[in-house]
Protein backbone atom coordinates (compact mmCIF):
# COMPACT_ATOMS: atom_id res chain seq x y z
CA UNK A 1 47.55 -33.50 -11.96
CA UNK A 2 48.95 -30.04 -12.59
CA UNK A 3 47.21 -27.13 -14.29
CA UNK A 4 49.42 -27.74 -17.34
CA UNK A 5 48.43 -31.40 -17.55
CA UNK A 6 44.71 -30.59 -17.46
CA UNK A 7 45.27 -27.82 -20.03
CA UNK A 8 46.81 -30.40 -22.38
CA UNK A 9 43.70 -32.57 -22.01
CA UNK A 10 41.51 -29.58 -22.86
CA UNK A 11 43.68 -28.75 -25.87
CA UNK A 12 42.98 -32.19 -27.31
CA UNK A 13 39.38 -30.99 -27.64
CA UNK A 14 40.12 -27.37 -28.54
CA UNK A 15 43.74 -26.46 -29.41
CA UNK A 16 44.43 -22.87 -28.41
CA UNK A 17 45.91 -22.26 -31.87
CA UNK A 18 42.35 -22.63 -33.22
CA UNK A 19 41.16 -19.52 -31.36
CA UNK A 20 40.47 -16.32 -33.28
CA UNK A 21 43.25 -13.72 -33.38
CA UNK A 22 41.29 -11.19 -31.32
CA UNK A 23 40.70 -13.64 -28.47
CA UNK A 24 42.43 -14.24 -25.14
CA UNK A 25 42.48 -17.96 -24.35
CA UNK A 26 44.47 -20.40 -22.24
CA UNK A 27 45.76 -19.93 -18.70
CA UNK A 28 44.85 -16.37 -17.67
CA UNK A 29 45.57 -16.55 -13.94
CA UNK A 30 47.70 -18.91 -11.87
CA UNK A 31 50.76 -21.15 -11.81
CA UNK A 32 50.81 -23.74 -14.64
CA UNK A 33 52.76 -26.14 -12.41
CA UNK A 34 50.33 -25.98 -9.47
CA UNK A 35 48.80 -29.27 -8.40
CA UNK A 36 45.06 -29.23 -9.03
CA UNK A 37 42.76 -30.38 -6.21
CA UNK A 38 39.51 -29.90 -8.12
CA UNK A 39 38.12 -28.31 -11.29
CA UNK A 40 35.07 -26.05 -11.48
CA UNK A 41 33.61 -25.60 -14.99
CA UNK A 42 31.69 -22.42 -15.75
CA UNK A 43 30.51 -20.28 -18.65
CA UNK A 44 31.77 -17.05 -17.07
CA UNK A 45 34.20 -16.42 -14.23
CA UNK A 46 32.54 -13.92 -11.89
CA UNK A 47 33.07 -13.27 -8.18
CA UNK A 48 30.29 -15.67 -7.21
CA UNK A 49 31.98 -18.36 -9.29
CA UNK A 50 35.30 -17.83 -7.49
CA UNK A 51 33.39 -18.04 -4.18
CA UNK A 52 31.84 -21.30 -5.37
CA UNK A 53 35.29 -22.66 -6.27
CA UNK A 54 36.53 -21.79 -2.78
CA UNK A 55 33.51 -23.48 -1.18
CA UNK A 56 33.98 -26.63 -3.32
CA UNK A 57 37.77 -26.66 -2.77
CA UNK A 58 38.46 -26.31 -6.51
CA UNK A 59 41.67 -24.45 -7.33
CA UNK A 60 41.21 -24.47 -11.12
CA UNK A 61 38.33 -22.76 -12.89
CA UNK A 62 37.79 -23.78 -16.51
CA UNK A 63 35.75 -20.99 -18.06
CA UNK A 64 34.34 -20.62 -21.54
CA UNK A 65 34.52 -16.80 -21.64
CA UNK A 66 37.82 -15.13 -20.69
CA UNK A 67 37.55 -12.86 -17.68
CA UNK A 68 40.60 -10.94 -18.97
CA UNK A 69 39.84 -9.87 -22.52
CA UNK A 70 41.59 -6.52 -22.85
CA UNK A 71 44.87 -5.54 -21.25
CA UNK A 72 44.83 -4.72 -17.52
CA UNK A 73 46.86 -1.65 -16.54
CA UNK A 74 46.25 -1.96 -12.81
CA UNK A 75 44.72 -4.32 -10.22
CA UNK A 76 42.89 -2.19 -7.68
CA UNK A 77 39.51 -3.92 -7.59
CA UNK A 78 37.79 -0.97 -9.22
CA UNK A 79 35.69 -3.13 -11.56
CA UNK A 80 34.33 -6.68 -11.72
CA UNK A 81 37.24 -7.96 -13.83
CA UNK A 82 39.89 -6.71 -11.41
CA UNK A 83 37.93 -8.01 -8.41
CA UNK A 84 37.68 -11.50 -9.93
CA UNK A 85 41.39 -11.63 -10.76
CA UNK A 86 42.40 -10.36 -7.31
CA UNK A 87 40.13 -12.83 -5.52
CA UNK A 88 41.49 -15.70 -7.61
CA UNK A 89 45.11 -14.72 -6.91
CA UNK A 90 44.54 -14.24 -3.17
CA UNK A 91 42.91 -17.70 -2.97
CA UNK A 92 45.49 -19.38 -5.24
CA UNK A 93 42.92 -20.30 -7.89
CA UNK A 94 43.93 -20.66 -11.53
CA UNK A 95 41.62 -19.59 -14.37
CA UNK A 96 41.75 -21.18 -17.82
CA UNK A 97 39.62 -19.94 -20.74
CA UNK A 98 38.67 -21.73 -23.99
CA UNK A 99 36.27 -19.36 -25.82
CA UNK A 100 36.75 -19.29 -29.63
CA UNK A 101 39.09 -22.29 -29.55
CA UNK A 102 36.03 -24.27 -28.47
CA UNK A 103 33.77 -22.32 -30.85
CA UNK A 104 35.92 -23.55 -33.74
CA UNK A 105 36.00 -27.18 -32.55
CA UNK A 106 33.92 -29.74 -34.44
CA UNK A 107 33.01 -31.21 -31.05
CA UNK A 108 32.52 -27.87 -29.32
CA UNK A 109 29.88 -25.24 -28.65
CA UNK A 110 27.90 -25.62 -31.87
CA UNK A 111 28.01 -29.40 -31.84
CA UNK A 112 26.37 -29.23 -28.40
CA UNK A 113 23.62 -26.96 -29.74
CA UNK A 114 23.01 -29.44 -32.57
CA UNK A 115 22.78 -32.25 -30.01
CA UNK A 116 20.26 -30.36 -27.86
CA UNK A 117 18.12 -29.49 -30.89
CA UNK A 118 18.32 -33.02 -32.31
CA UNK A 119 20.09 -32.04 -35.55
CA UNK A 120 21.59 -34.95 -37.46
CA UNK A 121 24.82 -35.17 -39.49
CA UNK A 122 26.05 -31.70 -38.51
CA UNK A 123 28.84 -30.08 -40.54
CA UNK A 124 30.89 -26.92 -40.05
CA UNK A 125 29.01 -23.88 -41.39
CA UNK A 126 32.08 -21.69 -42.06
CA UNK A 127 35.16 -23.94 -42.46
CA UNK A 128 38.47 -22.24 -41.57
CA UNK A 129 40.39 -21.17 -44.67
CA UNK A 130 44.19 -21.40 -45.03
CA UNK A 131 44.56 -23.66 -42.01
CA UNK A 132 45.77 -26.71 -43.95
CA UNK A 133 49.45 -26.93 -44.83
CA UNK A 134 51.46 -29.24 -47.04
CA UNK A 135 54.94 -30.55 -46.29
CA UNK A 136 57.16 -31.70 -49.17
CA UNK A 137 60.43 -33.36 -48.28
CA UNK A 138 63.04 -35.55 -49.95
CA UNK A 139 64.75 -38.61 -48.47
CA UNK A 140 66.68 -41.72 -49.50
CA UNK A 141 64.20 -44.28 -50.83
CA UNK A 142 65.24 -46.78 -48.17
CA UNK A 143 64.28 -44.33 -45.37
CA UNK A 144 61.04 -43.00 -46.85
CA UNK A 145 58.64 -45.34 -45.03
CA UNK A 146 60.17 -44.76 -41.59
CA UNK A 147 60.06 -40.99 -42.14
CA UNK A 148 56.41 -41.15 -43.21
CA UNK A 149 55.56 -43.19 -40.12
CA UNK A 150 57.22 -40.57 -37.89
CA UNK A 151 55.26 -37.81 -39.64
CA UNK A 152 52.00 -39.71 -39.22
CA UNK A 153 52.65 -40.23 -35.52
CA UNK A 154 53.16 -36.46 -35.17
CA UNK A 155 49.75 -35.80 -36.72
CA UNK A 156 50.44 -35.41 -40.43
CA UNK A 157 48.40 -37.11 -43.14
CA UNK A 158 44.97 -36.82 -41.53
CA UNK A 159 42.13 -36.04 -43.96
CA UNK A 160 38.59 -36.25 -42.54
CA UNK A 161 38.05 -39.85 -41.39
CA UNK A 162 41.32 -41.04 -42.96
CA UNK A 163 44.84 -41.12 -41.54
CA UNK A 164 48.35 -42.05 -42.78
CA UNK A 165 47.62 -40.22 -46.06
CA UNK A 166 50.61 -39.32 -48.25
CA UNK A 167 51.84 -39.18 -51.83
CA UNK A 168 55.34 -40.17 -52.98
CA UNK A 169 57.40 -39.85 -56.14
CA UNK A 170 60.79 -41.39 -56.86
CA UNK A 171 63.69 -39.63 -58.54
CA UNK A 172 67.40 -38.84 -58.31
CA UNK A 173 68.71 -36.25 -55.89
CA UNK A 174 72.18 -34.70 -56.12
CA UNK A 175 74.46 -32.81 -53.75
CA UNK A 176 78.14 -32.09 -53.04
CA UNK A 177 79.27 -32.06 -49.44
CA UNK A 178 81.50 -29.16 -48.35
CA UNK A 179 84.71 -29.42 -46.34
CA UNK A 180 83.06 -29.17 -42.90
CA UNK A 181 80.05 -31.34 -43.74
CA UNK A 182 79.29 -34.74 -42.24
CA UNK A 183 77.34 -36.48 -45.04
CA UNK A 184 75.36 -39.65 -44.35
CA UNK A 185 76.11 -40.81 -47.89
CA UNK A 186 78.59 -39.59 -50.49
CA UNK A 187 82.13 -38.18 -50.25
CA UNK A 188 83.22 -34.68 -49.30
CA UNK A 189 84.05 -32.63 -52.35
CA UNK A 190 82.37 -34.94 -54.83
CA UNK A 191 78.94 -34.68 -56.43
CA UNK A 192 76.77 -37.53 -55.19
CA UNK A 193 73.61 -38.90 -56.80
CA UNK A 194 71.07 -40.67 -54.59
CA UNK A 195 67.80 -42.48 -55.31
CA UNK A 196 65.31 -40.46 -53.34
CA UNK A 197 61.58 -40.30 -52.64
CA UNK A 198 59.64 -37.07 -52.62
CA UNK A 199 57.20 -37.31 -49.69
CA UNK A 200 54.04 -35.16 -49.61
CA UNK A 201 51.79 -34.91 -46.55
CA UNK A 202 49.20 -32.38 -45.37
CA UNK A 203 48.50 -31.29 -41.80
CA UNK A 204 46.54 -28.81 -39.70
CA UNK A 205 48.59 -25.68 -39.03
CA UNK A 206 48.83 -26.04 -35.25
CA UNK A 207 50.77 -29.32 -35.62
CA UNK A 208 53.64 -27.80 -37.60
CA UNK A 209 56.18 -27.62 -34.77
CA UNK A 210 55.68 -31.27 -33.78
CA UNK A 211 55.74 -32.43 -37.42
CA UNK A 212 58.98 -30.62 -38.25
CA UNK A 213 60.56 -31.97 -35.08
CA UNK A 214 59.54 -35.50 -36.12
CA UNK A 215 60.95 -34.92 -39.61
CA UNK A 216 64.35 -33.77 -38.34
CA UNK A 217 64.57 -36.63 -35.81
CA UNK A 218 63.68 -39.32 -38.36
CA UNK A 219 65.62 -38.03 -41.38
CA UNK A 220 69.12 -39.46 -41.93
CA UNK A 221 70.57 -36.40 -43.68
CA UNK A 222 72.61 -33.74 -41.91
CA UNK A 223 70.70 -31.05 -43.85
CA UNK A 224 67.02 -31.81 -44.49
CA UNK A 225 65.48 -30.34 -47.64
CA UNK A 226 61.79 -29.50 -47.25
CA UNK A 227 59.09 -27.09 -48.42
CA UNK A 228 55.94 -25.88 -46.64
CA UNK A 229 52.92 -24.59 -48.55
CA UNK A 230 49.67 -23.09 -47.21
CA UNK A 231 46.75 -24.59 -49.13
CA UNK A 232 43.63 -22.78 -50.26
CA UNK A 233 41.46 -25.75 -49.17
CA UNK A 234 39.12 -25.04 -46.26
CA UNK A 235 39.37 -27.28 -43.22
CA UNK A 236 36.04 -29.11 -42.96
CA UNK A 237 36.81 -30.14 -39.35
CA UNK A 238 37.53 -26.63 -38.07
CA UNK A 239 35.48 -23.45 -38.13
CA UNK A 240 32.51 -21.44 -36.92
CA UNK A 241 28.89 -22.57 -36.68
CA UNK A 242 27.30 -25.82 -37.77
CA UNK A 243 24.46 -26.93 -40.02
CA UNK A 244 22.43 -30.11 -39.71
CA UNK A 245 19.06 -31.68 -40.47
CA UNK A 246 15.96 -32.52 -38.48
CA UNK A 247 14.83 -36.14 -38.62
CA UNK A 248 11.35 -34.98 -39.54
CA UNK A 249 10.57 -31.58 -41.03
CA UNK A 250 8.24 -29.29 -39.11
CA UNK A 251 6.61 -25.90 -39.36
CA UNK A 252 8.62 -22.77 -38.63
CA UNK A 253 6.63 -21.70 -35.55
CA UNK A 254 6.62 -25.27 -34.24
CA UNK A 255 10.41 -25.44 -34.59
CA UNK A 256 10.97 -22.04 -32.95
CA UNK A 257 8.85 -23.13 -29.98
CA UNK A 258 10.95 -26.30 -29.80
CA UNK A 259 14.11 -24.16 -29.78
CA UNK A 260 12.69 -21.97 -27.01
CA UNK A 261 11.83 -24.98 -24.90
CA UNK A 262 15.03 -27.01 -25.39
CA UNK A 263 17.37 -24.03 -25.11
CA UNK A 264 15.56 -22.62 -22.04
CA UNK A 265 15.12 -19.31 -23.84
CA UNK A 266 12.96 -16.61 -22.26
CA UNK A 267 12.13 -15.25 -25.69
CA UNK A 268 12.87 -15.75 -29.39
CA UNK A 269 13.33 -12.76 -31.70
CA UNK A 270 12.98 -13.77 -35.34
CA UNK A 271 12.58 -12.45 -38.88
CA UNK A 272 9.46 -12.85 -40.99
CA UNK A 273 8.12 -16.42 -41.07
CA UNK A 274 7.99 -17.76 -44.63
CA UNK A 275 5.30 -20.43 -44.24
CA UNK A 276 7.77 -23.14 -45.23
CA UNK A 277 8.77 -26.42 -43.64
CA UNK A 278 11.99 -26.56 -41.62
CA UNK A 279 14.45 -29.35 -42.38
CA UNK A 280 17.94 -27.82 -42.55
CA UNK A 281 19.03 -25.72 -39.56
CA UNK A 282 22.17 -23.63 -39.05
CA UNK A 283 23.38 -22.64 -35.57
CA UNK A 284 26.13 -20.50 -34.10
CA UNK A 285 26.61 -19.93 -30.39
CA UNK A 286 27.20 -16.36 -29.25
CA UNK A 287 27.29 -13.32 -31.52
CA UNK A 288 26.44 -14.64 -34.96
CA UNK A 289 25.32 -11.85 -37.28
CA UNK A 290 28.44 -12.38 -39.43
CA UNK A 291 27.27 -15.89 -40.42
CA UNK A 292 23.80 -15.06 -41.76
CA UNK A 293 25.12 -15.00 -45.33
CA UNK A 294 26.81 -18.37 -44.86
CA UNK A 295 23.56 -19.86 -43.53
CA UNK A 296 21.72 -18.60 -46.61
CA UNK A 297 24.40 -19.94 -48.96
CA UNK A 298 24.25 -23.34 -47.24
CA UNK A 299 20.49 -23.55 -47.85
CA UNK A 300 19.42 -23.37 -44.21
CA UNK A 301 15.70 -22.98 -43.54
CA UNK A 302 16.36 -21.38 -40.14
CA UNK A 303 19.47 -19.85 -38.57
CA UNK A 304 19.66 -19.80 -34.76
CA UNK A 305 22.17 -17.49 -33.08
CA UNK A 306 22.36 -14.43 -30.79
CA UNK A 307 23.17 -10.71 -30.44
CA UNK A 308 21.47 -9.75 -33.71
CA UNK A 309 20.84 -6.04 -34.26
CA UNK A 310 17.74 -4.52 -35.86
CA UNK A 311 19.22 -4.35 -39.37
CA UNK A 312 20.66 -7.88 -39.16
CA UNK A 313 17.16 -9.31 -39.50
CA UNK A 314 16.81 -7.68 -42.92
CA UNK A 315 19.60 -9.98 -44.15
CA UNK A 316 17.15 -12.89 -44.08
CA UNK A 317 15.71 -11.44 -47.33
CA UNK A 318 12.85 -13.96 -47.28
CA UNK A 319 15.33 -16.77 -47.97
CA UNK A 320 15.37 -18.17 -44.45
CA UNK A 321 14.20 -17.38 -40.93
CA UNK A 322 16.78 -15.75 -38.65
CA UNK A 323 16.28 -16.33 -34.91
CA UNK A 324 18.00 -14.72 -31.91
CA UNK A 325 17.53 -16.60 -28.64
CA UNK A 326 20.13 -14.78 -26.51
CA UNK A 327 23.90 -15.03 -26.02
CA UNK A 328 23.82 -16.94 -22.74
CA UNK A 329 21.09 -19.23 -24.03
CA UNK A 330 23.10 -20.37 -27.06
CA UNK A 331 26.20 -21.14 -24.97
CA UNK A 332 24.75 -22.34 -21.65
CA UNK A 333 25.23 -26.06 -22.37
CA UNK A 334 28.93 -25.57 -23.09
CA UNK A 335 29.83 -26.19 -19.46
CA UNK A 336 27.90 -29.51 -19.53
CA UNK A 337 29.93 -30.47 -22.59
CA UNK A 338 33.21 -29.70 -20.80
CA UNK A 339 32.24 -31.53 -17.61
CA UNK A 340 31.29 -34.62 -19.63
CA UNK A 341 34.53 -34.40 -21.61
CA UNK A 342 36.81 -34.00 -18.58
CA UNK A 343 34.98 -36.70 -16.61
CA UNK A 344 35.59 -39.19 -19.43
CA UNK A 345 39.21 -38.12 -19.94
CA UNK A 346 40.17 -38.04 -16.24
CA UNK A 347 37.50 -40.17 -14.54
CA UNK A 348 39.22 -40.32 -11.15
CA UNK A 349 39.44 -36.56 -10.83
CA UNK A 350 37.02 -34.12 -9.17
CA UNK A 351 35.26 -32.10 -11.88
CA UNK A 352 32.29 -29.93 -10.81
CA UNK A 353 29.61 -28.16 -12.84
CA UNK A 354 29.21 -24.59 -11.61
CA UNK A 355 25.80 -23.82 -10.13
CA UNK A 356 26.40 -20.06 -10.11
CA UNK A 357 24.11 -17.87 -12.22
CA UNK A 358 26.22 -15.75 -14.59
CA UNK A 359 23.69 -14.55 -17.17
CA UNK A 360 23.65 -10.72 -16.82
CA UNK A 361 20.42 -10.33 -18.84
CA UNK A 362 17.05 -10.47 -17.12
CA UNK A 363 13.54 -10.36 -18.61
CA UNK A 364 10.25 -8.99 -17.29
């Protein structure tokens, strides 16, 4: 398989279009057409990880965090980022990053945290707004079903657990073909009236190119009339953080000790305990101060995240317990998730879990 082919498999889990605007995801180093001999999955791409890839004969590193985040003006090896990139290039190793594309995936980083903590029926904590679009098009009634089928096959009409969703209206369309036109129906220079169906389907924004291509290929008309609207609905299958429930409620301290044990955390920083039972838990891997308000609004008893500053803990306002277990600790199981995913998708391919230690934070 090539780097590109493996990237397409990864994009089925986390489309790059789902990444945040500030992020740098996808293939960061290497030839997309290079044949891959082995894949090494890591949380961070550091020099020791590149050395591990060389030792294990892996020429593709799939990393959660991007080693190149800001623009590089030179490659002289003067800092750890430049040294990693140079070593990868010299050893013909490609580097692919997923980061917030995987953060926003319903089966990504936060789903893995929910799994480790035993949270049931998890849902997206902050669904992505303005990521659902609506296509309205018009076609001869006789061709409507075949056009809808083509749109469905391209990914349109998916709502939660349902697929092939659409809405149609019938009416009369009119047009007059000009001198250089090649009309499928009607006569040049004459107004033609045609029984037509108005077809309405929704889709996730990243599928637009494929859906429009399917529309143009399937539609019989020389000129295809269509409209695209961006909906205000939030996408319940895409977004940051997750919230789920414990099978059996427990005390706050008991739950925090459970978090510390299951997430291999060296310490747990938390806001004032409220002497309440914990049932509903919100989580967000990585830096999560921005989602404290969403956790409160969702009725979470405890919010587990990382990188919280002193004043962030005040936002708990005695409505929930806010807990910081460390950035690495919230995301460490991401590489296990990716190894499991790739092993199932390409079972006859060499996929290795990195053994390199990349957490830069140490505790006394």
